[in-house]
Amino acid sequence: SATQWQDATVLGSNTYRIHRIDDGDRNSADTKVRGVRVTKAATPAAAAEYYWLSYRPAFENNINQKLGVYLNWQRPRLRALF
């Protein structure tokens, strides 16, 4: 939901705590930040591009995802997963 992500471009440079997105106990009332969006290219508005940062440690076989954040690139005109 919209309460579970932060827009770092709007909010500015900061330290953001990202909670795991693959937590089986989360619910719609949960307000923990599970993703951070950073604008890659904003102009023109219809062609905006974003980077999304998330944390997903349940991938036991992928040490890189288990121990760190992962980055997704949202290309123009594609909807976000958050």
Protein backbone atom coordinates (compact mmCIF):
# COMPACT_ATOMS: atom_id res chain seq x y z
CA SER A 1 0.00 0.00 0.00
CA ALA A 2 1.04 3.62 -0.37
CA THR A 3 1.84 3.85 3.35
CA GLN A 4 4.51 1.17 3.00
CA TRP A 5 6.89 3.05 0.72
CA GLN A 6 8.77 6.35 0.81
CA ASP A 7 9.71 8.68 -2.05
CA ALA A 8 13.33 9.63 -1.41
CA THR A 9 13.30 12.18 -4.24
CA VAL A 10 10.49 14.15 -2.59
CA LEU A 11 11.65 13.63 1.01
CA GLY A 12 15.31 14.31 0.23
CA SER A 13 18.60 12.82 1.28
CA ASN A 14 18.14 10.79 4.43
CA THR A 15 18.61 7.41 6.06
CA TYR A 16 15.64 5.13 5.42
CA ARG A 17 14.96 1.91 7.28
CA ILE A 18 13.51 -0.67 4.91
CA HIS A 19 11.65 -3.59 6.46
CA ARG A 20 11.46 -6.95 4.76
CA ILE A 21 8.85 -7.21 2.03
CA ASP A 22 8.48 -10.99 2.35
CA ASP A 23 7.26 -10.97 5.96
CA GLY A 24 4.31 -13.35 6.21
CA ASP A 25 2.87 -11.51 9.21
CA ARG A 26 2.25 -8.16 7.51
CA ASN A 27 -1.27 -6.83 6.97
CA SER A 28 -2.95 -3.88 5.26
CA ALA A 29 -2.76 -1.77 8.44
CA ASP A 30 1.01 -2.19 8.59
CA THR A 31 2.84 1.12 8.13
CA LYS A 32 6.44 -0.16 8.10
CA VAL A 33 8.41 1.13 5.13
CA ARG A 34 8.99 -1.78 2.75
CA GLY A 35 10.30 0.12 -0.26
CA VAL A 36 12.01 3.36 -1.19
CA ARG A 37 11.54 5.03 -4.58
CA VAL A 38 14.21 7.23 -6.14
CA THR A 39 13.56 9.18 -9.34
CA LYS A 40 15.97 8.21 -12.12
CA ALA A 41 14.59 10.51 -14.82
CA ALA A 42 11.59 12.77 -14.23
CA THR A 43 11.21 14.59 -17.54
CA PRO A 44 8.87 14.39 -19.30
CA ALA A 45 6.34 13.35 -16.66
CA ALA A 46 4.79 10.62 -18.83
CA ALA A 47 8.21 9.04 -19.22
CA ALA A 48 9.29 9.14 -15.57
CA GLU A 49 11.68 6.40 -14.49
CA TYR A 50 12.30 5.23 -10.94
CA TYR A 51 14.58 2.99 -8.93
CA TRP A 52 12.91 0.97 -6.16
CA LEU A 53 14.91 -0.37 -3.22
CA SER A 54 13.56 -3.28 -1.18
CA TYR A 55 14.73 -5.94 1.25
CA ARG A 56 13.78 -9.58 0.72
CA PRO A 57 15.80 -11.99 2.90
CA ALA A 58 13.59 -15.08 2.39
CA PHE A 59 15.64 -16.04 -0.67
CA GLU A 60 17.88 -18.44 1.26
CA ASN A 61 19.82 -19.56 -1.84
CA ASN A 62 20.72 -16.03 -2.95
CA ILE A 63 23.20 -14.59 -0.46
CA ASN A 64 23.07 -11.16 -2.12
CA GLN A 65 19.32 -10.78 -1.58
CA LYS A 66 19.38 -12.39 1.84
CA LEU A 67 21.93 -9.92 3.24
CA GLY A 68 21.19 -6.70 1.39
CA VAL A 69 18.71 -4.60 -0.52
CA TYR A 70 17.79 -5.20 -4.11
CA LEU A 71 17.18 -2.63 -6.80
CA ASN A 72 14.41 -2.61 -9.40
CA TRP A 73 14.21 -0.21 -12.33
CA GLN A 74 10.69 0.99 -13.17
CA ARG A 75 10.73 1.97 -16.82
CA PRO A 76 8.42 4.61 -18.35
CA ARG A 77 4.69 3.86 -18.36
CA LEU A 78 5.02 0.71 -16.26
CA ARG A 79 3.22 0.44 -12.94
CA ALA A 80 5.07 -0.08 -9.70
CA LEU A 81 4.68 -3.22 -7.66
CA PHE A 82 4.17 -1.28 -4.42
